[in-house]
Each structure stands twice: as structure tokens, then as C-alpha cells.
């Protein structure tokens, strides 16, 4: 029986950190996703992509061509921007700017939401069908377990 790939939702800050550093957990996550492995699927939201591109245009427009080239190599599944009624349903669960991220992770059937935003996502109200974790914890604590499960299934 083929096991479903683990679905990891990347928040904007993880993608940006991974793109602009050649080391560290965010970069390792992006490198793993660029390998197009069958056991892990990267997802993010169109909302996140819009946020990344807005920040790049404002702060580092010369990086946009490199960003576009690299983001394509990540093979990310992009979840459409949530509808307003979906966002309203989760209003108050976290900061207003992060509610569309939360909804996108839910719609994307994420197993993990990987974010560097501990301030807002650390205080998330409610129960969700995924684990919220930082990039370092994902690499150090969670990824070894995923790899261990793969080894058992071989």
C-alpha cells in the first residue's frame, strides 16, 4: 500500500529565509522540496506568494528574477487565495494578516504548517488538522520521524 506524502505548508517567512540564505533550516527544507521526493509535498498559498512578491518589489526588486527561477524548482502546490467567507470563519484565531495563511493550510490539507512566526501562530486559538512548527524543529524533530517511517515501509 502506497502511503500518502507528508504535506508541509510553508509560510512566507520560511520561503524568503530559505531563498536568501545558503544554510539553516529554511534552506534545508527548500532544498529537500526541490528534490521532488515522493514522500513529501510542499504547499503554500497564493496569498503567501503575493506577500513574498510584494515584499520583494518593495525591498529587493533585483531579486525577483532569481526568486521566480528558484520558486519554480520547489514544485510547490499553490492553494488559491481563500474566499472572504472562509477568512471570516477563522477571524480572531490569529492576527488578521495570518488568517488567510491558516485557511490556506487547512484547504491544502497540510500535515505541518512551518512558520517562523511564533508570535502569532504560537497563540493560535482552536484545533487544527496540522501541527504548527518552526523550521528548525521540523528538521531536527519531525523530519527524522518521517524518514524513519519510510525506512520501515521499505
N, C-alpha and C. Protein backbone atom coordinates (compact mmCIF):
# COMPACT_ATOMS: atom_id res chain seq x y z
N UNK A 1 0.84 -1.18 0.00
CA UNK A 1 0.00 0.00 0.00
C UNK A 1 0.89 1.25 0.00
N UNK A 2 0.62 2.17 -0.91
CA UNK A 2 1.39 3.40 -1.00
C UNK A 2 0.88 4.40 0.02
N UNK A 3 1.79 4.94 0.78
CA UNK A 3 1.43 5.90 1.80
C UNK A 3 1.39 7.31 1.19
N UNK A 4 0.44 8.11 1.64
CA UNK A 4 0.31 9.48 1.16
C UNK A 4 1.53 10.29 1.58
N UNK A 5 1.96 11.18 0.70
CA UNK A 5 3.09 12.04 1.01
C UNK A 5 2.72 12.98 2.16
N UNK A 6 3.69 13.28 3.00
CA UNK A 6 3.51 14.26 4.07
C UNK A 6 3.42 15.63 3.41
N UNK A 7 2.40 16.39 3.79
CA UNK A 7 2.16 17.71 3.19
C UNK A 7 2.62 18.80 4.14
N UNK A 8 3.60 19.57 3.70
CA UNK A 8 4.15 20.65 4.53
C UNK A 8 3.80 21.99 3.90
N UNK A 9 3.11 22.81 4.67
CA UNK A 9 2.72 24.14 4.23
C UNK A 9 3.80 25.12 4.68
N UNK A 10 4.35 25.86 3.74
CA UNK A 10 5.40 26.82 4.06
C UNK A 10 4.84 28.22 4.14
N UNK A 11 5.04 28.87 5.27
CA UNK A 11 4.67 30.27 5.42
C UNK A 11 5.67 31.11 4.63
N UNK A 12 5.27 32.32 4.32
CA UNK A 12 6.10 33.23 3.51
C UNK A 12 7.49 33.42 4.09
N UNK A 13 7.56 33.56 5.41
CA UNK A 13 8.86 33.83 6.04
C UNK A 13 9.83 32.68 5.87
N UNK A 14 9.33 31.46 5.80
CA UNK A 14 10.20 30.29 5.60
C UNK A 14 10.76 30.29 4.18
N UNK A 15 9.89 30.59 3.22
CA UNK A 15 10.33 30.63 1.82
C UNK A 15 11.36 31.73 1.64
N UNK A 16 11.07 32.92 2.13
CA UNK A 16 12.02 34.03 1.97
C UNK A 16 13.35 33.74 2.67
N UNK A 17 13.30 33.22 3.89
CA UNK A 17 14.53 32.90 4.61
C UNK A 17 15.35 31.86 3.87
N UNK A 18 14.68 30.85 3.34
CA UNK A 18 15.37 29.80 2.60
C UNK A 18 15.97 30.29 1.30
N UNK A 19 15.31 31.24 0.66
CA UNK A 19 15.81 31.77 -0.60
C UNK A 19 17.06 32.63 -0.41
N UNK A 20 17.12 33.33 0.71
CA UNK A 20 18.20 34.29 0.89
C UNK A 20 19.31 33.83 1.81
N UNK A 21 19.29 32.58 2.18
CA UNK A 21 20.38 32.03 2.98
C UNK A 21 20.80 30.71 2.37
N UNK A 22 22.08 30.45 2.36
CA UNK A 22 22.54 29.18 1.80
C UNK A 22 22.70 28.12 2.88
N UNK A 23 22.24 28.42 4.09
CA UNK A 23 22.28 27.45 5.19
C UNK A 23 21.11 27.70 6.12
N UNK A 24 20.94 26.82 7.06
CA UNK A 24 19.85 26.95 8.03
C UNK A 24 18.67 26.09 7.64
N UNK A 25 17.78 25.91 8.59
CA UNK A 25 16.64 25.02 8.41
C UNK A 25 15.72 25.42 7.25
N UNK A 26 15.39 26.71 7.09
CA UNK A 26 14.52 27.04 5.94
C UNK A 26 15.15 26.63 4.60
N UNK A 27 16.45 26.83 4.46
CA UNK A 27 17.11 26.45 3.21
C UNK A 27 17.12 24.93 3.03
N UNK A 28 17.33 24.20 4.11
CA UNK A 28 17.32 22.73 4.02
C UNK A 28 15.94 22.26 3.56
N UNK A 29 14.89 22.85 4.11
CA UNK A 29 13.53 22.47 3.72
C UNK A 29 13.32 22.73 2.23
N UNK A 30 13.72 23.91 1.76
CA UNK A 30 13.57 24.21 0.33
C UNK A 30 14.39 23.26 -0.53
N UNK A 31 15.59 22.95 -0.09
CA UNK A 31 16.43 22.01 -0.85
C UNK A 31 15.79 20.63 -0.93
N UNK A 32 15.21 20.17 0.17
CA UNK A 32 14.53 18.87 0.18
C UNK A 32 13.36 18.90 -0.80
N UNK A 33 12.58 19.97 -0.76
CA UNK A 33 11.42 20.06 -1.66
C UNK A 33 11.84 20.13 -3.13
N UNK A 34 12.98 20.74 -3.40
CA UNK A 34 13.43 20.85 -4.79
C UNK A 34 13.84 19.50 -5.37
N UNK A 35 14.02 18.50 -4.52
CA UNK A 35 14.38 17.16 -4.99
C UNK A 35 13.18 16.38 -5.52
N UNK A 36 11.97 16.92 -5.30
CA UNK A 36 10.74 16.30 -5.79
C UNK A 36 10.60 14.85 -5.31
N UNK A 37 10.81 14.64 -4.02
CA UNK A 37 10.73 13.31 -3.42
C UNK A 37 9.28 12.88 -3.25
N UNK A 38 9.02 11.61 -3.35
CA UNK A 38 7.64 11.12 -3.31
C UNK A 38 7.01 11.17 -1.92
N UNK A 39 7.80 11.24 -0.88
CA UNK A 39 7.25 11.17 0.48
C UNK A 39 6.93 12.51 1.11
N UNK A 40 7.25 13.61 0.42
CA UNK A 40 6.99 14.93 0.99
C UNK A 40 6.53 15.88 -0.11
N UNK A 41 5.46 16.60 0.19
CA UNK A 41 4.90 17.56 -0.76
C UNK A 41 4.91 18.94 -0.11
N UNK A 42 5.44 19.89 -0.81
CA UNK A 42 5.44 21.27 -0.34
C UNK A 42 4.22 22.00 -0.86
N UNK A 43 3.59 22.76 0.02
CA UNK A 43 2.45 23.58 -0.37
C UNK A 43 2.60 24.96 0.25
N UNK A 44 1.98 25.90 -0.37
CA UNK A 44 1.89 27.25 0.17
C UNK A 44 0.64 27.87 -0.44
N UNK A 45 0.34 29.07 -0.01
CA UNK A 45 -0.86 29.73 -0.52
C UNK A 45 -0.53 30.80 -1.55
N UNK A 46 -1.46 31.03 -2.45
CA UNK A 46 -1.32 32.15 -3.40
C UNK A 46 -1.17 33.43 -2.59
N UNK A 47 -1.87 33.51 -1.45
CA UNK A 47 -1.75 34.66 -0.55
C UNK A 47 -0.29 34.84 -0.12
N UNK A 48 0.39 33.74 0.21
CA UNK A 48 1.79 33.79 0.62
C UNK A 48 2.68 34.26 -0.53
N UNK A 49 2.42 33.73 -1.72
CA UNK A 49 3.20 34.11 -2.90
C UNK A 49 3.03 35.60 -3.16
N UNK A 50 1.81 36.10 -3.05
CA UNK A 50 1.56 37.53 -3.25
C UNK A 50 2.32 38.36 -2.21
N UNK A 51 2.34 37.88 -0.97
CA UNK A 51 3.06 38.59 0.10
C UNK A 51 4.57 38.62 -0.18
N UNK A 52 5.11 37.49 -0.60
CA UNK A 52 6.54 37.41 -0.92
C UNK A 52 6.88 38.38 -2.05
N UNK A 53 6.09 38.35 -3.11
CA UNK A 53 6.37 39.20 -4.27
C UNK A 53 6.20 40.68 -3.94
N UNK A 54 5.22 41.00 -3.11
CA UNK A 54 5.04 42.39 -2.67
C UNK A 54 6.27 42.87 -1.89
N UNK A 55 6.75 42.03 -0.98
CA UNK A 55 7.94 42.39 -0.19
C UNK A 55 9.17 42.53 -1.07
N UNK A 56 9.33 41.62 -2.02
CA UNK A 56 10.49 41.71 -2.91
C UNK A 56 10.44 42.98 -3.78
N UNK A 57 9.27 43.29 -4.32
CA UNK A 57 9.16 44.52 -5.14
C UNK A 57 9.51 45.76 -4.32
N UNK A 58 9.11 45.78 -3.05
CA UNK A 58 9.35 46.95 -2.20
C UNK A 58 10.78 47.04 -1.70
N UNK A 59 11.38 45.88 -1.39
CA UNK A 59 12.67 45.90 -0.70
C UNK A 59 13.85 45.40 -1.51
N UNK A 60 13.59 44.54 -2.49
CA UNK A 60 14.70 43.93 -3.22
C UNK A 60 14.27 43.53 -4.64
N UNK A 61 13.84 44.51 -5.44
CA UNK A 61 13.30 44.18 -6.76
C UNK A 61 14.28 43.45 -7.68
N UNK A 62 15.56 43.66 -7.49
CA UNK A 62 16.55 42.98 -8.33
C UNK A 62 16.59 41.46 -8.09
N UNK A 63 16.00 41.01 -6.98
CA UNK A 63 15.99 39.58 -6.67
C UNK A 63 14.81 38.84 -7.31
N UNK A 64 13.87 39.55 -7.89
CA UNK A 64 12.67 38.92 -8.42
C UNK A 64 12.98 37.88 -9.50
N UNK A 65 13.87 38.14 -10.47
CA UNK A 65 14.14 37.08 -11.46
C UNK A 65 14.71 35.80 -10.83
N UNK A 66 15.59 35.93 -9.86
CA UNK A 66 16.16 34.76 -9.18
C UNK A 66 15.07 34.04 -8.39
N UNK A 67 14.24 34.81 -7.71
CA UNK A 67 13.12 34.24 -6.96
C UNK A 67 12.23 33.41 -7.88
N UNK A 68 11.83 33.98 -9.01
CA UNK A 68 10.92 33.28 -9.92
C UNK A 68 11.54 32.01 -10.47
N UNK A 69 12.81 32.05 -10.74
CA UNK A 69 13.51 30.86 -11.23
C UNK A 69 13.55 29.77 -10.15
N UNK A 70 13.87 30.17 -8.94
CA UNK A 70 14.02 29.19 -7.85
C UNK A 70 12.68 28.66 -7.37
N UNK A 71 11.68 29.52 -7.26
CA UNK A 71 10.38 29.09 -6.72
C UNK A 71 9.78 27.99 -7.60
N UNK A 72 10.02 28.06 -8.90
CA UNK A 72 9.51 27.04 -9.82
C UNK A 72 10.14 25.67 -9.53
N UNK A 73 11.36 25.66 -9.07
CA UNK A 73 12.07 24.41 -8.79
C UNK A 73 11.58 23.71 -7.52
N UNK A 74 10.81 24.41 -6.70
CA UNK A 74 10.33 23.83 -5.44
C UNK A 74 9.13 22.92 -5.63
N UNK A 75 8.51 22.99 -6.80
CA UNK A 75 7.34 22.14 -7.07
C UNK A 75 6.24 22.30 -6.02
N UNK A 76 6.04 23.52 -5.55
CA UNK A 76 5.02 23.77 -4.53
C UNK A 76 3.62 23.70 -5.13
N UNK A 77 2.72 23.09 -4.39
CA UNK A 77 1.31 23.15 -4.75
C UNK A 77 0.79 24.46 -4.17
N UNK A 78 0.21 25.29 -5.02
CA UNK A 78 -0.25 26.61 -4.59
C UNK A 78 -1.76 26.56 -4.36
N UNK A 79 -2.16 26.89 -3.14
CA UNK A 79 -3.57 26.91 -2.75
C UNK A 79 -4.13 28.30 -3.10
N UNK A 80 -5.28 28.35 -3.79
CA UNK A 80 -5.86 29.65 -4.15
C UNK A 80 -6.13 30.52 -2.92
N UNK A 81 -6.18 31.83 -3.15
CA UNK A 81 -6.50 32.78 -2.07
C UNK A 81 -7.88 32.41 -1.52
N UNK A 82 -7.99 32.30 -0.20
CA UNK A 82 -9.28 31.95 0.40
C UNK A 82 -10.36 32.99 0.10
N UNK A 83 -11.59 32.51 0.03
CA UNK A 83 -12.74 33.41 -0.14
C UNK A 83 -12.96 34.16 1.17
N UNK A 84 -13.59 35.31 1.06
CA UNK A 84 -13.82 36.16 2.25
C UNK A 84 -14.61 35.44 3.33
N UNK A 85 -15.61 34.63 2.95
CA UNK A 85 -16.40 33.93 3.98
C UNK A 85 -15.56 32.88 4.71
N UNK A 86 -14.58 32.28 4.01
CA UNK A 86 -13.68 31.32 4.66
C UNK A 86 -12.78 32.05 5.67
N UNK A 87 -12.31 33.22 5.29
CA UNK A 87 -11.45 34.01 6.18
C UNK A 87 -12.24 34.46 7.40
N UNK A 88 -13.46 34.92 7.19
CA UNK A 88 -14.30 35.38 8.31
C UNK A 88 -14.55 34.27 9.33
N UNK A 89 -14.69 33.04 8.84
CA UNK A 89 -14.96 31.90 9.72
C UNK A 89 -13.85 31.72 10.76
N UNK A 90 -12.61 32.07 10.40
CA UNK A 90 -11.47 31.90 11.31
C UNK A 90 -10.97 33.22 11.89
N UNK A 91 -11.72 34.27 11.67
CA UNK A 91 -11.35 35.58 12.20
C UNK A 91 -11.18 35.51 13.71
N UNK A 92 -10.09 36.05 14.21
CA UNK A 92 -9.81 36.05 15.64
C UNK A 92 -8.97 34.87 16.10
N UNK A 93 -8.78 33.87 15.24
CA UNK A 93 -7.96 32.72 15.62
C UNK A 93 -6.49 33.10 15.73
N UNK A 94 -6.09 34.06 14.93
CA UNK A 94 -4.72 34.57 14.93
C UNK A 94 -4.79 35.99 14.40
N UNK A 95 -3.67 36.63 14.18
CA UNK A 95 -3.70 38.00 13.66
C UNK A 95 -4.40 38.03 12.31
N UNK A 96 -5.05 39.13 12.00
CA UNK A 96 -5.83 39.25 10.76
C UNK A 96 -4.99 38.94 9.52
N UNK A 97 -3.74 39.36 9.51
CA UNK A 97 -2.87 39.13 8.35
C UNK A 97 -2.53 37.65 8.16
N UNK A 98 -2.65 36.86 9.22
CA UNK A 98 -2.30 35.45 9.13
C UNK A 98 -3.50 34.52 8.96
N UNK A 99 -4.70 35.04 9.06
CA UNK A 99 -5.88 34.18 8.88
C UNK A 99 -5.91 33.56 7.49
N UNK A 100 -5.61 34.31 6.40
CA UNK A 100 -5.59 33.65 5.09
C UNK A 100 -4.53 32.54 4.98
N UNK A 101 -3.45 32.67 5.71
CA UNK A 101 -2.42 31.62 5.74
C UNK A 101 -2.99 30.38 6.42
N UNK A 102 -3.63 30.58 7.55
CA UNK A 102 -4.27 29.49 8.29
C UNK A 102 -5.29 28.76 7.42
N UNK A 103 -6.16 29.52 6.76
CA UNK A 103 -7.19 28.93 5.91
C UNK A 103 -6.55 28.18 4.73
N UNK A 104 -5.51 28.74 4.16
CA UNK A 104 -4.82 28.08 3.05
C UNK A 104 -4.22 26.75 3.49
N UNK A 105 -3.64 26.71 4.68
CA UNK A 105 -3.08 25.46 5.20
C UNK A 105 -4.17 24.41 5.41
N UNK A 106 -5.32 24.84 5.89
CA UNK A 106 -6.45 23.93 6.08
C UNK A 106 -6.93 23.41 4.73
N UNK A 107 -7.13 24.32 3.78
CA UNK A 107 -7.61 23.93 2.45
C UNK A 107 -6.60 23.02 1.73
N UNK A 108 -5.32 23.21 2.03
CA UNK A 108 -4.28 22.41 1.41
C UNK A 108 -4.07 21.06 2.08
N UNK A 109 -4.88 20.78 3.10
CA UNK A 109 -4.77 19.50 3.84
C UNK A 109 -3.35 19.27 4.34
N UNK A 110 -2.77 20.33 4.91
CA UNK A 110 -1.42 20.26 5.43
C UNK A 110 -1.34 19.33 6.64
N UNK A 111 -0.22 18.65 6.74
CA UNK A 111 0.09 17.88 7.94
C UNK A 111 0.89 18.76 8.91
N UNK A 112 1.67 19.68 8.33
CA UNK A 112 2.50 20.60 9.11
C UNK A 112 2.40 21.98 8.49
N UNK A 113 2.29 22.99 9.35
CA UNK A 113 2.42 24.37 8.92
C UNK A 113 3.75 24.83 9.48
N UNK A 114 4.69 25.11 8.59
CA UNK A 114 6.04 25.51 9.01
C UNK A 114 6.13 27.02 8.91
N UNK A 115 6.40 27.66 10.04
CA UNK A 115 6.45 29.11 10.09
C UNK A 115 7.51 29.58 11.08
N UNK A 116 8.06 30.73 10.80
CA UNK A 116 8.97 31.38 11.74
C UNK A 116 8.23 32.39 12.59
N UNK A 117 6.92 32.51 12.40
CA UNK A 117 6.10 33.49 13.10
C UNK A 117 5.54 32.90 14.39
N UNK A 118 6.40 32.78 15.38
CA UNK A 118 5.98 32.21 16.67
C UNK A 118 5.04 33.14 17.42
N UNK A 119 5.19 34.45 17.18
CA UNK A 119 4.37 35.42 17.89
C UNK A 119 2.88 35.21 17.62
N UNK A 120 2.50 35.12 16.37
CA UNK A 120 1.08 34.98 16.03
C UNK A 120 0.62 33.53 16.01
N UNK A 121 1.38 32.65 15.37
CA UNK A 121 0.94 31.26 15.28
C UNK A 121 1.15 30.51 16.59
N UNK A 122 1.99 31.01 17.46
CA UNK A 122 2.19 30.39 18.77
C UNK A 122 0.98 30.56 19.68
N UNK A 123 0.15 31.55 19.38
CA UNK A 123 -1.04 31.83 20.19
C UNK A 123 -2.33 31.44 19.46
N UNK A 124 -2.22 30.59 18.48
CA UNK A 124 -3.36 30.21 17.66
C UNK A 124 -4.46 29.59 18.52
N UNK A 125 -5.69 30.06 18.31
CA UNK A 125 -6.84 29.57 19.07
C UNK A 125 -7.58 28.54 18.23
N UNK A 126 -7.91 27.42 18.84
CA UNK A 126 -8.67 26.39 18.16
C UNK A 126 -7.84 25.15 17.87
N UNK A 127 -8.51 24.13 17.38
CA UNK A 127 -7.85 22.88 16.99
C UNK A 127 -7.79 22.81 15.48
N UNK A 128 -6.66 22.37 14.98
CA UNK A 128 -6.44 22.33 13.54
C UNK A 128 -5.87 20.97 13.15
N UNK A 129 -6.09 20.59 11.90
CA UNK A 129 -5.68 19.24 11.46
C UNK A 129 -4.20 19.14 11.09
N UNK A 130 -3.39 20.06 11.58
CA UNK A 130 -1.96 20.03 11.30
C UNK A 130 -1.19 20.48 12.52
N UNK A 131 0.08 20.20 12.49
CA UNK A 131 0.99 20.62 13.56
C UNK A 131 1.69 21.88 13.10
N UNK A 132 1.73 22.88 13.97
CA UNK A 132 2.44 24.12 13.67
C UNK A 132 3.83 23.99 14.28
N UNK A 133 4.83 24.23 13.46
CA UNK A 133 6.20 24.06 13.91
C UNK A 133 7.11 25.07 13.22
N UNK A 134 8.24 25.32 13.84
CA UNK A 134 9.24 26.17 13.23
C UNK A 134 10.13 25.35 12.31
N UNK A 135 10.87 26.00 11.43
CA UNK A 135 11.73 25.28 10.50
C UNK A 135 12.76 24.39 11.20
N UNK A 136 13.40 24.89 12.24
CA UNK A 136 14.43 24.10 12.94
C UNK A 136 13.83 22.86 13.59
N UNK A 137 12.68 23.02 14.27
CA UNK A 137 12.04 21.87 14.89
C UNK A 137 11.62 20.85 13.84
N UNK A 138 11.14 21.33 12.70
CA UNK A 138 10.75 20.39 11.65
C UNK A 138 11.95 19.56 11.22
N UNK A 139 13.07 20.20 10.98
CA UNK A 139 14.28 19.48 10.53
C UNK A 139 14.82 18.57 11.63
N UNK A 140 14.89 19.07 12.86
CA UNK A 140 15.52 18.32 13.95
C UNK A 140 14.64 17.23 14.55
N UNK A 141 13.34 17.49 14.67
CA UNK A 141 12.48 16.56 15.41
C UNK A 141 11.50 15.79 14.54
N UNK A 142 10.97 16.42 13.51
CA UNK A 142 9.89 15.81 12.74
C UNK A 142 10.40 15.05 11.53
N UNK A 143 11.29 15.66 10.76
CA UNK A 143 11.79 15.00 9.55
C UNK A 143 12.43 13.65 9.82
N UNK A 144 13.23 13.49 10.88
CA UNK A 144 13.78 12.15 11.15
C UNK A 144 12.69 11.09 11.35
N UNK A 145 11.57 11.46 11.96
CA UNK A 145 10.47 10.52 12.14
C UNK A 145 9.82 10.15 10.81
N UNK A 146 9.68 11.13 9.93
CA UNK A 146 9.13 10.87 8.60
C UNK A 146 10.05 9.92 7.84
N UNK A 147 11.34 10.18 7.91
CA UNK A 147 12.31 9.32 7.23
C UNK A 147 12.32 7.92 7.85
N UNK A 148 12.17 7.84 9.16
CA UNK A 148 12.12 6.54 9.85
C UNK A 148 10.92 5.72 9.40
N UNK A 149 9.78 6.38 9.21
CA UNK A 149 8.59 5.68 8.72
C UNK A 149 8.82 5.14 7.32
N UNK A 150 9.52 5.92 6.51
CA UNK A 150 9.84 5.46 5.14
C UNK A 150 10.68 4.18 5.18
N UNK A 151 11.66 4.20 6.06
CA UNK A 151 12.55 3.04 6.17
C UNK A 151 11.79 1.80 6.58
N UNK A 152 10.82 1.96 7.51
CA UNK A 152 10.00 0.82 7.96
C UNK A 152 9.15 0.26 6.84
N UNK A 153 8.72 1.15 5.91
CA UNK A 153 7.84 0.72 4.82
C UNK A 153 8.58 0.09 3.66
N UNK A 154 9.90 0.15 3.65
CA UNK A 154 10.68 -0.43 2.56
C UNK A 154 10.77 -1.93 2.65
